[in-house]
Protein backbone atom coordinates (compact mmCIF):
# COMPACT_ATOMS: atom_id res chain seq x y z
CA UNK A 1 124.28 79.48 -47.79
CA UNK A 2 126.02 80.46 -50.78
CA UNK A 3 128.30 78.29 -53.10
CA UNK A 4 131.17 79.38 -55.10
CA UNK A 5 132.51 77.72 -57.99
CA UNK A 6 136.17 78.35 -57.83
CA UNK A 7 138.33 77.60 -61.16
CA UNK A 8 141.67 76.82 -59.20
CA UNK A 9 144.60 74.80 -61.74
CA UNK A 10 143.17 71.71 -63.99
CA UNK A 11 139.72 71.49 -62.54
CA UNK A 12 136.11 73.80 -61.05
CA UNK A 13 135.67 73.15 -56.88
CA UNK A 14 133.10 74.29 -55.02
CA UNK A 15 133.76 75.86 -51.35
CA UNK A 16 130.82 76.91 -49.91
CA UNK A 17 130.43 80.41 -47.57
CA UNK A 18 128.61 81.56 -44.97
CA UNK A 19 125.93 84.06 -45.88
CA UNK A 20 127.42 86.98 -44.28
CA UNK A 21 131.03 85.51 -44.79
CA UNK A 22 134.16 88.26 -45.25
CA UNK A 23 131.69 91.66 -44.70
CA UNK A 24 134.94 93.22 -43.37
CA UNK A 25 138.30 91.72 -44.78
CA UNK A 26 138.01 91.07 -48.93
CA UNK A 27 139.24 86.99 -48.29
CA UNK A 28 138.20 84.40 -46.63
CA UNK A 29 139.47 84.40 -42.52
CA UNK A 30 138.88 82.12 -39.97
CA UNK A 31 139.59 80.40 -36.91
CA UNK A 32 140.73 77.50 -34.98
CA UNK A 33 140.25 76.94 -31.52
CA UNK A 34 142.02 72.65 -31.37
CA UNK A 35 142.05 73.05 -27.64
CA UNK A 36 138.18 74.05 -27.33
CA UNK A 37 135.59 70.98 -25.43
CA UNK A 38 132.81 73.44 -27.56
CA UNK A 39 134.69 74.33 -30.71
CA UNK A 40 131.69 75.04 -32.47
CA UNK A 41 130.82 77.66 -29.66
CA UNK A 42 134.17 79.10 -29.25
CA UNK A 43 134.15 79.54 -32.92
CA UNK A 44 131.44 81.38 -32.69
CA UNK A 45 132.44 83.81 -29.76
CA UNK A 46 134.91 84.48 -31.74
CA UNK A 47 133.25 85.81 -34.94
CA UNK A 48 131.34 87.96 -32.36
CA UNK A 49 134.33 88.97 -30.69
CA UNK A 50 135.77 90.69 -33.89
CA UNK A 51 132.51 91.48 -35.01
CA UNK A 52 132.97 89.57 -38.46
CA UNK A 53 131.23 85.89 -39.69
CA UNK A 54 133.90 83.45 -39.77
CA UNK A 55 134.04 81.74 -43.01
CA UNK A 56 136.35 78.75 -42.25
CA UNK A 57 137.25 76.77 -39.42
CA UNK A 58 140.09 74.71 -39.23
CA UNK A 59 139.86 71.39 -37.31
CA UNK A 60 141.01 68.21 -36.25
CA UNK A 61 139.20 64.74 -35.88
CA UNK A 62 141.14 62.54 -33.67
CA UNK A 63 143.93 59.69 -35.24
CA UNK A 64 144.52 57.30 -32.65
CA UNK A 65 142.69 54.46 -35.24
CA UNK A 66 141.75 54.71 -38.62
CA UNK A 67 137.95 54.50 -37.83
CA UNK A 68 138.44 58.04 -35.66
CA UNK A 69 139.25 59.84 -39.29
CA UNK A 70 137.44 57.31 -41.36
CA UNK A 71 133.54 56.95 -40.28
CA UNK A 72 130.29 59.05 -39.46
CA UNK A 73 131.20 60.36 -35.50
CA UNK A 74 129.98 63.68 -33.51
CA UNK A 75 133.06 65.55 -35.16
CA UNK A 76 131.55 65.32 -38.59
CA UNK A 77 128.01 65.43 -38.27
CA UNK A 78 128.91 68.51 -35.79
CA UNK A 79 130.93 70.78 -38.25
CA UNK A 80 128.79 69.52 -41.31
CA UNK A 81 126.01 71.44 -39.36
CA UNK A 82 127.81 75.01 -39.56
CA UNK A 83 127.72 77.40 -42.20
CA UNK A 84 131.23 77.90 -43.11
CA UNK A 85 133.57 76.60 -44.85
CA UNK A 86 135.41 73.60 -42.70
CA UNK A 87 139.58 72.87 -43.51
CA UNK A 88 140.00 69.01 -42.01
CA UNK A 89 143.89 68.22 -41.15
CA UNK A 90 143.73 64.43 -42.16
CA UNK A 91 146.92 62.04 -41.71
CA UNK A 92 148.46 59.72 -44.14
CA UNK A 93 147.68 57.41 -41.81
CA UNK A 94 146.72 56.88 -38.01
CA UNK A 95 149.67 56.92 -35.01
CA UNK A 96 151.34 53.80 -34.06
CA UNK A 97 148.99 51.09 -36.16
CA UNK A 98 151.98 49.66 -38.11
CA UNK A 99 151.01 51.64 -41.12
CA UNK A 100 154.06 52.80 -43.50
CA UNK A 101 154.07 55.52 -46.14
CA UNK A 102 154.78 52.38 -48.31
CA UNK A 103 151.63 50.64 -47.68
CA UNK A 104 149.96 53.85 -48.79
CA UNK A 105 151.50 53.83 -51.97
CA UNK A 106 150.57 50.28 -52.65
CA UNK A 107 147.30 50.70 -52.43
CA UNK A 108 146.75 48.48 -48.67
CA UNK A 109 144.30 50.92 -47.00
CA UNK A 110 142.58 52.22 -49.82
CA UNK A 111 139.30 50.38 -48.09
CA UNK A 112 139.57 52.81 -45.67
CA UNK A 113 140.13 55.86 -47.35
CA UNK A 114 136.74 54.77 -49.91
CA UNK A 115 135.49 55.00 -46.04
CA UNK A 116 136.53 58.21 -45.40
CA UNK A 117 135.04 59.59 -48.63
CA UNK A 118 131.60 57.64 -48.23
CA UNK A 119 131.29 59.29 -44.87
CA UNK A 120 132.21 62.61 -46.46
CA UNK A 121 129.20 62.45 -49.08
CA UNK A 122 126.70 60.84 -46.30
CA UNK A 123 127.05 64.25 -43.45
CA UNK A 124 127.33 66.43 -46.78
CA UNK A 125 130.98 67.65 -46.48
CA UNK A 126 131.56 66.32 -49.21
CA UNK A 127 128.52 68.68 -51.20
CA UNK A 128 130.13 71.78 -48.61
CA UNK A 129 133.33 71.83 -50.30
CA UNK A 130 135.13 70.73 -47.54
CA UNK A 131 138.75 71.09 -47.55
CA UNK A 132 141.14 68.12 -46.70
CA UNK A 133 144.64 69.53 -45.70
CA UNK A 134 146.58 65.98 -46.20
CA UNK A 135 149.66 65.05 -44.20
CA UNK A 136 148.98 68.83 -43.42
CA UNK A 137 153.30 70.23 -42.15
CA UNK A 138 154.18 67.18 -44.06
CA UNK A 139 158.26 68.34 -44.40
CA UNK A 140 158.26 68.23 -40.36
CA UNK A 141 157.03 64.88 -40.11
CA UNK A 142 159.19 61.43 -40.28
CA UNK A 143 156.33 59.85 -41.01
CA UNK A 144 155.73 61.13 -44.44
CA UNK A 145 158.66 59.19 -46.01
CA UNK A 146 160.63 60.88 -48.59
CA UNK A 147 159.72 63.79 -50.71
CA UNK A 148 158.63 61.44 -53.68
CA UNK A 149 156.70 58.88 -51.32
CA UNK A 150 155.00 61.45 -49.60
CA UNK A 151 153.87 62.65 -53.31
CA UNK A 152 152.86 59.14 -54.78
CA UNK A 153 151.01 58.27 -51.22
CA UNK A 154 148.98 61.84 -51.70
CA UNK A 155 148.21 60.82 -55.74
CA UNK A 156 146.80 57.46 -54.41
CA UNK A 157 144.71 58.91 -51.46
CA UNK A 158 143.72 61.85 -53.43
CA UNK A 159 142.33 59.35 -56.25
CA UNK A 160 140.93 56.74 -54.05
CA UNK A 161 138.82 59.51 -52.60
CA UNK A 162 137.89 61.91 -55.37
CA UNK A 163 136.77 58.52 -57.72
CA UNK A 164 133.84 58.33 -54.78
CA UNK A 165 133.97 62.47 -53.23
CA UNK A 166 134.93 64.45 -56.31
CA UNK A 167 133.89 67.76 -54.30
CA UNK A 168 136.04 67.62 -51.50
CA UNK A 169 139.02 70.60 -51.90
CA UNK A 170 142.43 69.23 -51.17
CA UNK A 171 145.14 71.41 -49.77
CA UNK A 172 149.30 70.98 -50.30
CA UNK A 173 149.94 72.35 -46.89
CA UNK A 174 153.76 72.64 -45.85
CA UNK A 175 155.25 74.27 -42.92
CA UNK A 176 156.71 77.45 -43.85
CA UNK A 177 160.56 77.64 -44.35
CA UNK A 178 163.82 74.94 -44.47
CA UNK A 179 163.02 71.83 -42.55
CA UNK A 180 165.22 69.07 -41.10
CA UNK A 181 162.74 66.66 -42.64
CA UNK A 182 162.47 67.81 -46.34
CA UNK A 183 164.81 70.56 -46.30
CA UNK A 184 165.88 72.76 -49.11
CA UNK A 185 164.15 72.83 -52.52
CA UNK A 186 163.94 68.50 -51.67
CA UNK A 187 159.88 69.79 -50.30
CA UNK A 188 159.33 70.46 -54.02
CA UNK A 189 159.59 66.86 -54.93
CA UNK A 190 156.92 65.97 -52.76
CA UNK A 191 154.06 67.94 -55.24
CA UNK A 192 152.23 65.15 -56.27
CA UNK A 193 150.95 67.19 -59.50
CA UNK A 194 148.43 69.97 -60.15
CA UNK A 195 145.54 67.32 -61.10
CA UNK A 196 145.56 65.89 -57.64
CA UNK A 197 145.77 69.74 -55.56
CA UNK A 198 143.41 72.06 -55.66
CA UNK A 199 145.43 75.17 -53.06
CA UNK A 200 149.10 75.49 -51.65
CA UNK A 201 149.12 75.62 -48.00
CA UNK A 202 151.56 77.07 -45.56
CA UNK A 203 151.67 77.54 -41.59
CA UNK A 204 153.40 80.24 -40.33
CA UNK A 205 154.03 81.18 -36.96
CA UNK A 206 155.71 84.09 -35.53
CA UNK A 207 158.48 82.04 -34.72
CA UNK A 208 161.42 80.99 -36.46
CA UNK A 209 162.82 83.84 -36.59
CA UNK A 210 160.37 86.06 -34.44
CA UNK A 211 159.07 89.32 -36.47
CA UNK A 212 160.21 91.36 -33.45
CA UNK A 213 164.24 91.00 -34.46
CA UNK A 214 166.18 92.76 -36.78
CA UNK A 215 165.03 91.72 -40.13
CA UNK A 216 162.57 88.83 -38.78
CA UNK A 217 159.63 89.84 -40.63
CA UNK A 218 161.64 90.09 -43.54
CA UNK A 219 162.49 87.01 -43.49
CA UNK A 220 159.19 85.33 -42.90
CA UNK A 221 158.04 87.11 -45.47
CA UNK A 222 160.96 86.76 -47.87
CA UNK A 223 162.94 84.46 -46.21
CA UNK A 224 164.10 80.91 -48.09
CA UNK A 225 160.43 79.25 -48.19
CA UNK A 226 158.66 81.87 -46.54
CA UNK A 227 155.53 83.37 -47.55
CA UNK A 228 156.05 85.42 -50.85
CA UNK A 229 158.17 81.95 -51.55
CA UNK A 230 155.15 79.67 -51.31
CA UNK A 231 152.51 82.68 -53.00
CA UNK A 232 154.22 82.64 -56.01
CA UNK A 233 155.01 78.81 -55.78
CA UNK A 234 150.88 78.60 -55.73
CA UNK A 235 150.73 80.99 -58.86
CA UNK A 236 152.90 78.95 -60.80
CA UNK A 237 150.95 76.35 -60.66
CA UNK A 238 147.92 78.35 -61.00
CA UNK A 239 146.71 77.55 -57.26
CA UNK A 240 145.67 79.89 -54.50
CA UNK A 241 147.16 80.11 -51.47
CA UNK A 242 145.96 79.29 -48.04
CA UNK A 243 147.32 80.02 -44.88
CA UNK A 244 145.34 77.34 -42.70
CA UNK A 245 147.47 78.51 -39.37
CA UNK A 246 148.75 81.59 -38.12
CA UNK A 247 149.60 83.23 -35.07
CA UNK A 248 151.08 84.89 -32.36
CA UNK A 249 154.00 82.47 -30.79
CA UNK A 250 154.47 82.59 -27.23
CA UNK A 251 154.21 80.72 -23.94
CA UNK A 252 156.96 78.58 -24.43
CA UNK A 253 156.12 76.95 -27.38
CA UNK A 254 159.46 77.65 -28.99
CA UNK A 255 161.78 79.26 -26.21
CA UNK A 256 164.14 81.27 -27.56
CA UNK A 257 162.55 81.68 -31.16
CA UNK A 258 158.82 83.31 -30.30
CA UNK A 259 157.99 86.81 -31.16
CA UNK A 260 155.65 87.04 -28.31
CA UNK A 261 152.73 89.31 -27.78
CA UNK A 262 153.47 91.31 -31.03
CA UNK A 263 150.99 93.51 -32.21
CA UNK A 264 153.21 94.61 -35.00
CA UNK A 265 152.98 90.85 -36.47
CA UNK A 266 149.02 91.20 -36.79
CA UNK A 267 149.26 94.47 -39.04
CA UNK A 268 152.22 92.53 -41.24
CA UNK A 269 150.36 89.45 -41.46
CA UNK A 270 147.60 91.72 -41.85
CA UNK A 271 149.17 93.50 -44.80
CA UNK A 272 150.38 90.37 -46.54
CA UNK A 273 146.95 89.05 -46.85
CA UNK A 274 145.31 92.22 -47.99
CA UNK A 275 148.34 93.00 -50.71
CA UNK A 276 147.59 89.20 -52.23
CA UNK A 277 143.74 89.35 -51.60
CA UNK A 278 143.20 88.28 -54.84
CA UNK A 279 145.44 85.16 -54.59
CA UNK A 280 144.37 84.32 -50.89
CA UNK A 281 142.27 81.23 -50.66
CA UNK A 282 141.62 81.66 -46.95
CA UNK A 283 143.41 82.26 -43.58
CA UNK A 284 143.01 81.20 -40.06
CA UNK A 285 144.14 82.18 -36.89
CA UNK A 286 145.22 79.67 -34.36
CA UNK A 287 143.57 80.55 -31.34
CA UNK A 288 145.17 77.86 -28.54
CA UNK A 289 147.61 77.61 -25.60
CA UNK A 290 150.71 80.58 -26.47
CA UNK A 291 149.02 81.62 -29.51
CA UNK A 292 145.99 82.86 -28.04
CA UNK A 293 144.35 86.59 -28.67
CA UNK A 294 140.67 85.65 -27.32
CA UNK A 295 139.37 83.72 -24.61
CA UNK A 296 141.86 83.42 -23.20
CA UNK A 297 143.29 86.68 -24.15
CA UNK A 298 146.92 85.87 -23.42
CA UNK A 299 147.91 88.61 -26.13
CA UNK A 300 146.66 91.57 -24.80
CA UNK A 301 148.60 93.85 -27.31
CA UNK A 302 148.08 91.18 -30.41
CA UNK A 303 144.73 91.45 -29.34
CA UNK A 304 143.74 94.61 -29.50
CA UNK A 305 145.36 94.82 -32.95
CA UNK A 306 143.36 92.21 -34.10
CA UNK A 307 140.46 93.17 -33.31
CA UNK A 308 140.97 96.69 -34.53
CA UNK A 309 142.18 95.22 -38.00
CA UNK A 310 139.40 92.40 -38.72
CA UNK A 311 136.86 94.00 -36.68
């Protein structure tokens, strides 16, 4: 395993890379199989299909209880045994247990986060430079609180964990476009500060608007809070951009707003990554129901285009 030292913003952090990572594309590329029973096996099959080793995988532990994502379990130990970088979606607190963003800010849950830090250390995930997408897509989640509350909660958690597990990589991860939860420029008030963040992340699917509509791709790329907006935001803060989730949108995921089986969207995303490769920390295709391009091939035209470009 090769370990790279990356200088980003105010600090140095480590990102583990698979030995054969990125033979055909010049940025770290990966996949997510959130619905797979054997996500590790599915990830390996995806790599074989595209004939390109996976450089990163995006995954989520269970989050119904604190123990689900703070304690050592088979999710963490299984992924720790894989040679590529891991990016985990970790919530601010579990669903439906009475936790609040105010309690987070007050440090009421710090003991849980100390347990999480020790879990990352004991499983080896800290040493591997695992990426933590804390409160990912917070600008669409009412539990995130106000922008300033989210920023304060993020700082509290990151400070608590990093005091014990300083090798983790923290990704401040928005959803592309304006949102009703944190509309317009208010989302910028959720930024916790450079010293707490290593990467700027944006999740982006072929929807709202679809890239197959007139001007749809240009809106995704250059519209309000689009891909280039967040790329420039990352650059301004001395960070690299991650795209932990992206993909085709079909199957009634967002009726009336989906791009469908659109190979041009795949090419557009490839061109975006290629043009900005020096600033792309990683990208990961979200291969699940409605977005799948392999095993199963739900979108054959997009699947063929992806395999041609990435393979």
